[in-house]
PDB file of N, CA and C in Angstrom:
ATOM      1  N   MET A   1       1.577  -5.955  10.052  1.00  0.00           N
ATOM      2  CA  MET A   1       2.110  -6.793  11.150  1.00  0.00           C
ATOM      3  C   MET A   1       1.011  -7.857  11.411  1.00  0.00           C
ATOM      4  N   VAL A   2      -0.300  -7.381  11.466  1.00  0.00           N
ATOM      5  CA  VAL A   2      -1.338  -8.338  11.693  1.00  0.00           C
ATOM      6  C   VAL A   2      -1.444  -9.503  10.620  1.00  0.00           C
ATOM      7  N   ALA A   3      -1.238  -9.060   9.415  1.00  0.00           N
ATOM      8  CA  ALA A   3      -1.256 -10.141   8.300  1.00  0.00           C
ATOM      9  C   ALA A   3      -0.168 -11.016   8.452  1.00  0.00           C
ATOM     10  N   ALA A   4       0.993 -10.602   8.920  1.00  0.00           N
ATOM     11  CA  ALA A   4       2.187 -11.468   9.068  1.00  0.00           C
ATOM     12  C   ALA A   4       2.016 -12.412  10.201  1.00  0.00           C
ATOM     13  N   VAL A   5       1.304 -11.926  11.266  1.00  0.00           N
ATOM     14  CA  VAL A   5       1.234 -12.851  12.457  1.00  0.00           C
ATOM     15  C   VAL A   5      -0.053 -13.690  12.375  1.00  0.00           C
ATOM     16  N   ALA A   6      -1.186 -13.195  11.673  1.00  0.00           N
ATOM     17  CA  ALA A   6      -2.273 -13.928  11.530  1.00  0.00           C
ATOM     18  C   ALA A   6      -2.994 -14.422  12.837  1.00  0.00           C
ATOM     19  N   PRO A   7      -3.133 -13.513  13.784  1.00  0.00           N
ATOM     20  CA  PRO A   7      -3.709 -13.911  15.161  1.00  0.00           C
ATOM     21  C   PRO A   7      -5.112 -14.421  15.013  1.00  0.00           C
ATOM     22  N   ASP A   8      -5.488 -15.229  15.924  1.00  0.00           N
ATOM     23  CA  ASP A   8      -6.891 -15.663  16.146  1.00  0.00           C
ATOM     24  C   ASP A   8      -7.691 -14.540  16.542  1.00  0.00           C
ATOM     25  N   ASP A   9      -7.268 -13.777  17.480  1.00  0.00           N
ATOM     26  CA  ASP A   9      -8.049 -12.650  18.148  1.00  0.00           C
ATOM     27  C   ASP A   9      -7.111 -11.462  18.202  1.00  0.00           C
ATOM     28  N   ILE A  10      -7.752 -10.258  18.147  1.00  0.00           N
ATOM     29  CA  ILE A  10      -6.928  -9.014  18.326  1.00  0.00           C
ATOM     30  C   ILE A  10      -7.480  -8.179  19.369  1.00  0.00           C
ATOM     31  N   LEU A  11      -6.806  -7.815  20.361  1.00  0.00           N
ATOM     32  CA  LEU A  11      -7.260  -6.939  21.564  1.00  0.00           C
ATOM     33  C   LEU A  11      -6.676  -5.547  21.223  1.00  0.00           C
ATOM     34  N   THR A  12      -7.404  -4.545  21.427  1.00  0.00           N
ATOM     35  CA  THR A  12      -6.911  -3.137  21.123  1.00  0.00           C
ATOM     36  C   THR A  12      -7.214  -2.303  22.322  1.00  0.00           C
ATOM     37  N   GLY A  13      -6.492  -1.197  22.418  1.00  0.00           N
ATOM     38  CA  GLY A  13      -6.683  -0.222  23.470  1.00  0.00           C
ATOM     39  C   GLY A  13      -6.555   1.111  22.884  1.00  0.00           C
ATOM     40  N   LEU A  14      -6.996   2.208  23.556  1.00  0.00           N
ATOM     41  CA  LEU A  14      -7.043   3.564  23.158  1.00  0.00           C
ATOM     42  C   LEU A  14      -6.126   4.499  23.919  1.00  0.00           C
ATOM     43  N   ALA A  15      -5.000   4.021  24.150  1.00  0.00           N
ATOM     44  CA  ALA A  15      -4.086   4.922  25.066  1.00  0.00           C
ATOM     45  C   ALA A  15      -3.837   6.323  24.408  1.00  0.00           C
ATOM     46  N   GLU A  16      -3.897   6.406  23.069  1.00  0.00           N
ATOM     47  CA  GLU A  16      -3.654   7.649  22.351  1.00  0.00           C
ATOM     48  C   GLU A  16      -4.576   8.753  22.760  1.00  0.00           C
ATOM     49  N   ARG A  17      -5.720   8.326  23.178  1.00  0.00           N
ATOM     50  CA  ARG A  17      -6.779   9.342  23.477  1.00  0.00           C
ATOM     51  C   ARG A  17      -6.421  10.304  24.537  1.00  0.00           C
ATOM     52  N   SER A  18      -5.448   9.818  25.417  1.00  0.00           N
ATOM     53  CA  SER A  18      -5.084  10.791  26.471  1.00  0.00           C
ATOM     54  C   SER A  18      -3.823  11.653  26.048  1.00  0.00           C
ATOM     55  N   PHE A  19      -3.300  11.446  24.850  1.00  0.00           N
ATOM     56  CA  PHE A  19      -2.284  12.279  24.349  1.00  0.00           C
ATOM     57  C   PHE A  19      -2.852  13.529  23.747  1.00  0.00           C
ATOM     58  N   ALA A  20      -2.094  14.700  23.762  1.00  0.00           N
ATOM     59  CA  ALA A  20      -2.564  15.929  23.203  1.00  0.00           C
ATOM     60  C   ALA A  20      -2.499  15.804  21.680  1.00  0.00           C
ATOM     61  N   SER A  21      -1.609  15.078  21.068  1.00  0.00           N
ATOM     62  CA  SER A  21      -1.581  14.839  19.706  1.00  0.00           C
ATOM     63  C   SER A  21      -0.755  13.595  19.334  1.00  0.00           C
ATOM     64  N   THR A  22      -1.055  12.903  18.231  1.00  0.00           N
ATOM     65  CA  THR A  22      -0.343  11.851  17.765  1.00  0.00           C
ATOM     66  C   THR A  22      -0.198  11.912  16.145  1.00  0.00           C
ATOM     67  N   ARG A  23       0.755  11.290  15.770  1.00  0.00           N
ATOM     68  CA  ARG A  23       0.966  11.215  14.244  1.00  0.00           C
ATOM     69  C   ARG A  23       0.284  10.069  13.657  1.00  0.00           C
ATOM     70  N   PRO A  24      -0.292  10.196  12.480  1.00  0.00           N
ATOM     71  CA  PRO A  24      -0.859   9.015  11.873  1.00  0.00           C
ATOM     72  C   PRO A  24       0.062   7.955  11.638  1.00  0.00           C
ATOM     73  N   ASP A  25      -0.407   6.579  11.627  1.00  0.00           N
ATOM     74  CA  ASP A  25       0.510   5.529  11.458  1.00  0.00           C
ATOM     75  C   ASP A  25       1.368   5.638  10.197  1.00  0.00           C
ATOM     76  N   ALA A  26       0.755   6.173   9.174  1.00  0.00           N
ATOM     77  CA  ALA A  26       1.658   6.309   7.936  1.00  0.00           C
ATOM     78  C   ALA A  26       2.755   7.194   8.134  1.00  0.00           C
ATOM     79  N   ALA A  27       2.808   8.011   9.076  1.00  0.00           N
ATOM     80  CA  ALA A  27       3.843   8.989   9.345  1.00  0.00           C
ATOM     81  C   ALA A  27       4.907   8.510  10.367  1.00  0.00           C
ATOM     82  N   ARG A  28       4.581   7.393  10.863  1.00  0.00           N
ATOM     83  CA  ARG A  28       5.410   6.805  11.985  1.00  0.00           C
ATOM     84  C   ARG A  28       6.517   5.882  11.371  1.00  0.00           C
ATOM     85  N   PRO A  29       7.640   5.710  12.104  1.00  0.00           N
ATOM     86  CA  PRO A  29       8.485   4.503  11.619  1.00  0.00           C
ATOM     87  C   PRO A  29       7.852   3.120  11.907  1.00  0.00           C
ATOM     88  N   TYR A  30       8.340   2.233  11.188  1.00  0.00           N
ATOM     89  CA  TYR A  30       7.863   0.806  11.389  1.00  0.00           C
ATOM     90  C   TYR A  30       8.311   0.402  12.785  1.00  0.00           C
ATOM     91  N   VAL A  31       7.370  -0.237  13.477  1.00  0.00           N
ATOM     92  CA  VAL A  31       7.577  -0.583  14.910  1.00  0.00           C
ATOM     93  C   VAL A  31       8.930  -1.260  15.257  1.00  0.00           C
ATOM     94  N   LEU A  32       9.382  -2.151  14.395  1.00  0.00           N
ATOM     95  CA  LEU A  32      10.445  -3.000  14.575  1.00  0.00           C
ATOM     96  C   LEU A  32      11.743  -2.177  14.337  1.00  0.00           C
ATOM     97  N   ALA A  33      11.662  -0.916  13.853  1.00  0.00           N
ATOM     98  CA  ALA A  33      12.868  -0.167  13.738  1.00  0.00           C
ATOM     99  C   ALA A  33      13.171   0.722  14.841  1.00  0.00           C
ATOM    100  N   TYR A  34      12.238   0.787  15.877  1.00  0.00           N
ATOM    101  CA  TYR A  34      12.551   1.710  17.005  1.00  0.00           C
ATOM    102  C   TYR A  34      13.747   1.489  17.713  1.00  0.00           C
ATOM    103  N   PRO A  35      14.094   0.192  18.132  1.00  0.00           N
ATOM    104  CA  PRO A  35      15.389   0.068  18.808  1.00  0.00           C
ATOM    105  C   PRO A  35      16.610   0.456  18.072  1.00  0.00           C
ATOM    106  N   LEU A  36      16.559   0.265  16.755  1.00  0.00           N
ATOM    107  CA  LEU A  36      17.593   0.704  15.837  1.00  0.00           C
ATOM    108  C   LEU A  36      17.744   2.286  15.779  1.00  0.00           C
ATOM    109  N   MET A  37      16.608   2.926  15.780  1.00  0.00           N
ATOM    110  CA  MET A  37      16.571   4.325  15.664  1.00  0.00           C
ATOM    111  C   MET A  37      17.086   5.000  17.025  1.00  0.00           C
ATOM    112  N   LEU A  38      16.794   4.292  18.052  1.00  0.00           N
ATOM    113  CA  LEU A  38      17.230   4.772  19.402  1.00  0.00           C
ATOM    114  C   LEU A  38      18.563   4.293  19.787  1.00  0.00           C
ATOM    115  N   ARG A  39      19.281   3.604  18.867  1.00  0.00           N
ATOM    116  CA  ARG A  39      20.658   3.161  19.058  1.00  0.00           C
ATOM    117  C   ARG A  39      20.762   2.185  20.302  1.00  0.00           C
ATOM    118  N   ARG A  40      19.747   1.395  20.425  1.00  0.00           N
ATOM    119  CA  ARG A  40      19.709   0.413  21.477  1.00  0.00           C
ATOM    120  C   ARG A  40      20.137  -0.956  20.912  1.00  0.00           C
ATOM    121  N   ALA A  41      21.028  -1.659  21.610  1.00  0.00           N
ATOM    122  CA  ALA A  41      21.421  -2.848  21.149  1.00  0.00           C
ATOM    123  C   ALA A  41      20.283  -3.871  21.244  1.00  0.00           C
ATOM    124  N   MET A  42      20.360  -4.738  20.215  1.00  0.00           N
ATOM    125  CA  MET A  42      19.369  -5.816  20.089  1.00  0.00           C
ATOM    126  C   MET A  42      20.102  -7.165  20.288  1.00  0.00           C
ATOM    127  N   ALA A  43      19.766  -7.866  21.335  1.00  0.00           N
ATOM    128  CA  ALA A  43      20.498  -9.208  21.544  1.00  0.00           C
ATOM    129  C   ALA A  43      19.408 -10.220  21.851  1.00  0.00           C
ATOM    130  N   PRO A  44      18.707 -10.722  20.740  1.00  0.00           N
ATOM    131  CA  PRO A  44      17.646 -11.762  20.992  1.00  0.00           C
ATOM    132  C   PRO A  44      18.093 -13.050  21.501  1.00  0.00           C
ATOM    133  N   ASP A  45      17.459 -13.775  22.152  1.00  0.00           N
ATOM    134  CA  ASP A  45      17.749 -15.205  22.483  1.00  0.00           C
ATOM    135  C   ASP A  45      18.193 -15.917  21.170  1.00  0.00           C
ATOM    136  N   PRO A  46      19.223 -16.907  21.430  1.00  0.00           N
ATOM    137  CA  PRO A  46      19.633 -17.736  20.254  1.00  0.00           C
ATOM    138  C   PRO A  46      18.488 -18.439  19.562  1.00  0.00           C
ATOM    139  N   ASP A  47      17.438 -18.669  20.275  1.00  0.00           N
ATOM    140  CA  ASP A  47      16.319 -19.517  19.685  1.00  0.00           C
ATOM    141  C   ASP A  47      15.302 -18.641  18.995  1.00  0.00           C
ATOM    142  N   PHE A  48      15.557 -17.349  19.097  1.00  0.00           N
ATOM    143  CA  PHE A  48      14.610 -16.292  18.457  1.00  0.00           C
ATOM    144  C   PHE A  48      14.330 -16.427  16.957  1.00  0.00           C
ATOM    145  N   PRO A  49      15.349 -16.608  16.151  1.00  0.00           N
ATOM    146  CA  PRO A  49      15.066 -16.785  14.769  1.00  0.00           C
ATOM    147  C   PRO A  49      14.125 -17.902  14.340  1.00  0.00           C
ATOM    148  N   ALA A  50      14.330 -19.022  15.044  1.00  0.00           N
ATOM    149  CA  ALA A  50      13.440 -20.210  14.721  1.00  0.00           C
ATOM    150  C   ALA A  50      11.947 -19.913  15.287  1.00  0.00           C
ATOM    151  N   LEU A  51      11.866 -19.123  16.339  1.00  0.00           N
ATOM    152  CA  LEU A  51      10.553 -18.920  16.810  1.00  0.00           C
ATOM    153  C   LEU A  51       9.922 -17.780  15.888  1.00  0.00           C
ATOM    154  N   TRP A  52      10.713 -16.798  15.515  1.00  0.00           N
ATOM    155  CA  TRP A  52      10.229 -15.783  14.551  1.00  0.00           C
ATOM    156  C   TRP A  52       9.739 -16.460  13.318  1.00  0.00           C
ATOM    157  N   ASP A  53      10.473 -17.356  12.758  1.00  0.00           N
ATOM    158  CA  ASP A  53      10.019 -18.073  11.486  1.00  0.00           C
ATOM    159  C   ASP A  53       8.779 -18.959  11.619  1.00  0.00           C
ATOM    160  N   GLN A  54       8.579 -19.398  12.818  1.00  0.00           N
ATOM    161  CA  GLN A  54       7.407 -20.233  13.310  1.00  0.00           C
ATOM    162  C   GLN A  54       6.202 -19.383  13.356  1.00  0.00           C
ATOM    163  N   LEU A  55       6.339 -18.111  13.807  1.00  0.00           N
ATOM    164  CA  LEU A  55       5.167 -17.248  14.181  1.00  0.00           C
ATOM    165  C   LEU A  55       4.891 -16.178  13.058  1.00  0.00           C
ATOM    166  N   ILE A  56       5.887 -15.784  12.463  1.00  0.00           N
ATOM    167  CA  ILE A  56       5.707 -14.541  11.469  1.00  0.00           C
ATOM    168  C   ILE A  56       5.935 -15.023  10.053  1.00  0.00           C
ATOM    169  N   ASP A  57       4.920 -14.634   9.180  1.00  0.00           N
ATOM    170  CA  ASP A  57       4.967 -14.853   7.747  1.00  0.00           C
ATOM    171  C   ASP A  57       5.834 -13.701   7.180  1.00  0.00           C
ATOM    172  N   ARG A  58       7.088 -13.850   6.877  1.00  0.00           N
ATOM    173  CA  ARG A  58       7.804 -12.806   6.516  1.00  0.00           C
ATOM    174  C   ARG A  58       7.442 -12.199   5.082  1.00  0.00           C
ATOM    175  N   ARG A  59       6.934 -12.971   4.221  1.00  0.00           N
ATOM    176  CA  ARG A  59       6.380 -12.391   2.931  1.00  0.00           C
ATOM    177  C   ARG A  59       5.292 -11.465   3.251  1.00  0.00           C
ATOM    178  N   ARG A  60       4.341 -11.619   4.140  1.00  0.00           N
ATOM    179  CA  ARG A  60       3.345 -10.747   4.387  1.00  0.00           C
ATOM    180  C   ARG A  60       3.810  -9.575   5.173  1.00  0.00           C
ATOM    181  N   LEU A  61       4.902  -9.810   6.035  1.00  0.00           N
ATOM    182  CA  LEU A  61       5.460  -8.713   6.749  1.00  0.00           C
ATOM    183  C   LEU A  61       6.070  -7.641   5.799  1.00  0.00           C
ATOM    184  N   ALA A  62       6.635  -8.148   4.762  1.00  0.00           N
ATOM    185  CA  ALA A  62       7.359  -7.247   3.721  1.00  0.00           C
ATOM    186  C   ALA A  62       6.373  -6.478   2.888  1.00  0.00           C
ATOM    187  N   MET A  63       5.173  -7.041   2.738  1.00  0.00           N
ATOM    188  CA  MET A  63       4.106  -6.359   1.949  1.00  0.00           C
ATOM    189  C   MET A  63       3.626  -5.114   2.605  1.00  0.00           C
ATOM    190  N   GLY A  64       3.703  -5.049   4.007  1.00  0.00           N
ATOM    191  CA  GLY A  64       3.202  -4.040   4.787  1.00  0.00           C
ATOM    192  C   GLY A  64       2.604  -2.801   4.074  1.00  0.00           C
TER     193      GLY A  64
END
């Protein structure tokens, strides 16, 4: 995701340190799949696709 967004800066946090256990990233679903897995409707704003294309490099996102 970082490669696809190419941010100027990255801020991180360590919320996981307070959990008893966590799965490694390689064992977790892709972050954008969570709404689908939870059967939650996704209804983005009509302008969302244009903004997505402006901010996200889909070729890099697919390389994940």
